[in-house]
């Protein structure tokens, strides 16, 4: 869908913080098996000839050896970001099925979208100060398309574009796809707006515009694990509109406050268990080779397969900057308390406070951030009523 990802920065003046590149790990000094460079075992000085040869060797510059190559830091190697890696505003839209002027239940819903609009650190905690310096305030918006008919769906299924499903047990598992990345507000409006097109078999087809079902603030946070395998990414949000959840929000499972564990699927990983869940290969994200190696462990550095891990946490925000990125969202916790537990260090409370203040603003003012208006994009679902 020709819509956009991350950020309507053209409509809000932001800072000029530069995006800091994580520096490669410092080269670990090797221990000299022979002790001090000037001595041999037992503290005896080197013979004069050997000492002179050694000095000549050192003066000729660094000598590349197998040991030095093996221990050198890999070019471009990055450490996973900890703390808040992205924060901003979140919008929830749904679109009625083709040839439906309105939706009267979840059965009439064709698509469910989330638009992520990164913003300056208005609701960050002090502990996030360093991590937010790494963000680009002119980053693009992200449009996530959740589910193929609607999300959540009752059973996993295959569809033409994106896929949705329910997880085992009490926790819902949702599939989402990054369908567009950029800062083109006109494309966003066209992508979510009313559509008319021609088909060879059914003639002229019409799709009603998407409806706004929720708006608030979000944060994507990485924990600080003791070991890399325990790294988790949480996406949490708190709504400013609506203040009370109605029939629409309950059907779409939009809570006033909620969080998900967020994982990114390895585009090289084949389907498992005979299920064709996911995008075809030609529509999957095309990550740079360095990301494939550092994050997913391509080549066997992580996991048991040559392609590496099947899923990875969002170790860096760039993983969400590629169209065709497939995301696994595992429902974690709902409510203010659950949001704070997931995000930690006062971040959930900061989101709640920020959105309590923004809830006083009329929704038509909020939509100006996306260059949209309530004439083209109905907002009645914010009152809890289907339309």
Foldseek 3Di string as FASTA:
>chain_A
DQAAAAAQCVVPPDDQQAADQADFDDQDDDDDPQHDPQAGPPRDGDPPVVVVVVVVVVVVDDDDDPVCVVRDTDPPFHFFDAAFQFKDKKWKWWWFDKPDQWDFALQRTFWIKMKGYTAQPQLGDPVCVVNSSNDGRQFMHWIKIWAGRAPPDDAWDDDAAATFHADPDPKGKTKIFGAHHGNPLVSNCVVQFKDWDQDPPPGIIIIHGIATQFMFMWTWGWHDDPDQVPIWIKIKTATLFPPDAAQVCVRNVPARIFMWTKKWFQLPDDDPPPDPHFHPSVQAWDDDPSCQCNFQNACCPADDDNSHHGIGGCSHPVLSRTGRTMMMTITFDGDLVRRCVVNDDCSSVSRVVVSPVVSVDDVQVVCVSSPDGCVRHPHVCSVRGID
